[in-house]
Amino acid sequence: MRDGFLAKSKELFGAKFKDQVQFPGIPFILPSLQAEDFFGRSQEEFDKWFQLFDVYVNESPADGGLILASKIDFEADLISLLERMRSDGFLYPDGQ
């Protein structure tokens, strides 16, 4: 609560709400992103998003799954984790 996250989130993502009467009472503001939000965006916008968080994870019903985005390259770690889960017998439905 004291590390600046709350204020930084409002600074980065709250510009359009700043003049609204409820703005001071909103503790933080985070975007709810979908896959389409990651296409056609400028590097500056990505940099803005990732000033606040290193990894973004959110359920995206519009995409039928999860959004996982990161400024940290952890692809090899994720592949290793998924391979381990498969070898340990974790099974997931294929959507059919």
C-alpha atoms as a PDB file:
ATOM      1  CA  MET A   1       0.000   0.000   0.000  1.00  0.00           C
ATOM      2  CA  ARG A   2       2.947   2.349   0.532  1.00  0.00           C
ATOM      3  CA  ASP A   3       5.188   1.428  -2.396  1.00  0.00           C
ATOM      4  CA  GLY A   4       3.564   3.806  -4.882  1.00  0.00           C
ATOM      5  CA  PHE A   5       1.713   1.170  -6.917  1.00  0.00           C
ATOM      6  CA  LEU A   6      -1.735   2.653  -6.284  1.00  0.00           C
ATOM      7  CA  ALA A   7      -0.824   6.222  -7.200  1.00  0.00           C
ATOM      8  CA  LYS A   8       1.242   5.098 -10.203  1.00  0.00           C
ATOM      9  CA  SER A   9      -1.680   3.034 -11.535  1.00  0.00           C
ATOM     10  CA  LYS A  10      -3.961   6.063 -11.380  1.00  0.00           C
ATOM     11  CA  GLU A  11      -1.336   8.249 -13.037  1.00  0.00           C
ATOM     12  CA  LEU A  12      -0.770   5.789 -15.904  1.00  0.00           C
ATOM     13  CA  PHE A  13      -4.313   4.549 -16.514  1.00  0.00           C
ATOM     14  CA  GLY A  14      -6.647   7.134 -14.980  1.00  0.00           C
ATOM     15  CA  ALA A  15      -6.252  10.209 -17.179  1.00  0.00           C
ATOM     16  CA  LYS A  16      -9.754   9.932 -18.616  1.00  0.00           C
ATOM     17  CA  PHE A  17     -11.254   9.645 -15.109  1.00  0.00           C
ATOM     18  CA  LYS A  18      -9.337  12.500 -13.462  1.00  0.00           C
ATOM     19  CA  ASP A  19     -12.188  15.021 -13.681  1.00  0.00           C
ATOM     20  CA  GLN A  20     -14.808  12.655 -12.280  1.00  0.00           C
ATOM     21  CA  VAL A  21     -15.974  13.239  -8.718  1.00  0.00           C
ATOM     22  CA  GLN A  22     -15.258   9.650  -7.648  1.00  0.00           C
ATOM     23  CA  PHE A  23     -11.629   9.703  -8.862  1.00  0.00           C
ATOM     24  CA  PRO A  24     -10.057  10.556  -5.473  1.00  0.00           C
ATOM     25  CA  GLY A  25     -11.873   7.583  -3.885  1.00  0.00           C
ATOM     26  CA  ILE A  26     -10.652   5.047  -6.447  1.00  0.00           C
ATOM     27  CA  PRO A  27      -7.645   3.300  -4.893  1.00  0.00           C
ATOM     28  CA  PHE A  28      -6.108   2.084  -8.183  1.00  0.00           C
ATOM     29  CA  ILE A  29      -6.849   1.675 -11.888  1.00  0.00           C
ATOM     30  CA  LEU A  30      -5.741  -1.272 -14.001  1.00  0.00           C
ATOM     31  CA  PRO A  31      -6.536  -1.987 -17.640  1.00  0.00           C
ATOM     32  CA  SER A  32      -8.585  -5.041 -18.554  1.00  0.00           C
ATOM     33  CA  LEU A  33      -6.794  -6.089 -21.713  1.00  0.00           C
ATOM     34  CA  GLN A  34      -7.803  -8.543 -24.436  1.00  0.00           C
ATOM     35  CA  ALA A  35      -5.667 -10.090 -27.175  1.00  0.00           C
ATOM     36  CA  GLU A  36      -6.683  -7.387 -29.644  1.00  0.00           C
ATOM     37  CA  ASP A  37      -5.209  -4.761 -27.320  1.00  0.00           C
ATOM     38  CA  PHE A  38      -1.735  -6.104 -28.066  1.00  0.00           C
ATOM     39  CA  PHE A  39      -1.963  -5.571 -31.817  1.00  0.00           C
ATOM     40  CA  GLY A  40      -1.312  -2.235 -33.465  1.00  0.00           C
ATOM     41  CA  ARG A  41      -0.106  -0.544 -30.278  1.00  0.00           C
ATOM     42  CA  SER A  42       2.970   1.611 -30.126  1.00  0.00           C
ATOM     43  CA  GLN A  43       6.080   0.657 -28.206  1.00  0.00           C
ATOM     44  CA  GLU A  44       5.470   3.713 -26.034  1.00  0.00           C
ATOM     45  CA  GLU A  45       2.090   2.338 -24.959  1.00  0.00           C
ATOM     46  CA  PHE A  46       3.576  -1.069 -24.118  1.00  0.00           C
ATOM     47  CA  ASP A  47       6.317   0.667 -22.163  1.00  0.00           C
ATOM     48  CA  LYS A  48       3.651   2.616 -20.255  1.00  0.00           C
ATOM     49  CA  TRP A  49       1.756  -0.548 -19.336  1.00  0.00           C
ATOM     50  CA  PHE A  50       4.866  -2.322 -18.141  1.00  0.00           C
ATOM     51  CA  GLN A  51       6.037   0.566 -15.961  1.00  0.00           C
ATOM     52  CA  LEU A  52       3.474  -0.645 -13.454  1.00  0.00           C
ATOM     53  CA  PHE A  53       3.765  -4.419 -13.753  1.00  0.00           C
ATOM     54  CA  ASP A  54       6.288  -6.921 -15.082  1.00  0.00           C
ATOM     55  CA  VAL A  55       3.685  -9.566 -15.945  1.00  0.00           C
ATOM     56  CA  TYR A  56       0.034  -9.158 -16.925  1.00  0.00           C
ATOM     57  CA  VAL A  57      -2.340 -12.098 -16.396  1.00  0.00           C
ATOM     58  CA  ASN A  58      -6.082 -11.786 -16.831  1.00  0.00           C
ATOM     59  CA  GLU A  59      -9.026 -13.925 -17.851  1.00  0.00           C
ATOM     60  CA  SER A  60     -10.333 -12.817 -21.232  1.00  0.00           C
ATOM     61  CA  PRO A  61     -13.778 -14.257 -21.994  1.00  0.00           C
ATOM     62  CA  ALA A  62     -13.722 -12.472 -25.360  1.00  0.00           C
ATOM     63  CA  ASP A  63     -10.647 -14.535 -26.263  1.00  0.00           C
ATOM     64  CA  GLY A  64     -11.864 -17.737 -24.623  1.00  0.00           C
ATOM     65  CA  GLY A  65      -8.892 -17.992 -22.302  1.00  0.00           C
ATOM     66  CA  LEU A  66      -6.206 -16.098 -20.466  1.00  0.00           C
ATOM     67  CA  ILE A  67      -4.011 -13.205 -21.470  1.00  0.00           C
ATOM     68  CA  LEU A  68      -0.405 -13.635 -20.369  1.00  0.00           C
ATOM     69  CA  ALA A  69       1.979 -10.833 -21.297  1.00  0.00           C
ATOM     70  CA  SER A  70       5.350  -9.946 -19.871  1.00  0.00           C
ATOM     71  CA  LYS A  71       8.286  -7.639 -20.300  1.00  0.00           C
ATOM     72  CA  ILE A  72      10.408 -10.506 -18.970  1.00  0.00           C
ATOM     73  CA  ASP A  73      11.314 -13.247 -21.444  1.00  0.00           C
ATOM     74  CA  PHE A  74      10.194 -16.381 -19.633  1.00  0.00           C
ATOM     75  CA  GLU A  75       9.168 -18.464 -22.641  1.00  0.00           C
ATOM     76  CA  ALA A  76      11.737 -21.194 -21.908  1.00  0.00           C
ATOM     77  CA  ASP A  77      10.577 -21.392 -18.284  1.00  0.00           C
ATOM     78  CA  LEU A  78       6.926 -21.586 -19.338  1.00  0.00           C
ATOM     79  CA  ILE A  79       7.661 -24.338 -21.864  1.00  0.00           C
ATOM     80  CA  SER A  80       9.572 -26.277 -19.205  1.00  0.00           C
ATOM     81  CA  LEU A  81       6.693 -25.894 -16.741  1.00  0.00           C
ATOM     82  CA  LEU A  82       4.117 -27.053 -19.283  1.00  0.00           C
ATOM     83  CA  GLU A  83       6.259 -30.032 -20.275  1.00  0.00           C
ATOM     84  CA  ARG A  84       6.601 -30.986 -16.604  1.00  0.00           C
ATOM     85  CA  MET A  85       2.853 -30.679 -16.075  1.00  0.00           C
ATOM     86  CA  ARG A  86       2.254 -32.923 -19.098  1.00  0.00           C
ATOM     87  CA  SER A  87       4.753 -35.501 -17.858  1.00  0.00           C
ATOM     88  CA  ASP A  88       3.090 -35.412 -14.414  1.00  0.00           C
ATOM     89  CA  GLY A  89      -0.211 -36.340 -16.066  1.00  0.00           C
ATOM     90  CA  PHE A  90      -2.086 -33.044 -15.991  1.00  0.00           C
ATOM     91  CA  LEU A  91      -4.691 -33.204 -18.740  1.00  0.00           C
ATOM     92  CA  TYR A  92      -6.774 -30.342 -20.055  1.00  0.00           C
ATOM     93  CA  PRO A  93      -9.853 -30.502 -22.279  1.00  0.00           C
ATOM     94  CA  ASP A  94      -9.275 -29.516 -25.883  1.00  0.00           C
ATOM     95  CA  GLY A  95     -12.435 -27.427 -26.068  1.00  0.00           C
ATOM     96  CA  GLN A  96     -14.574 -30.001 -27.869  1.00  0.00           C
END
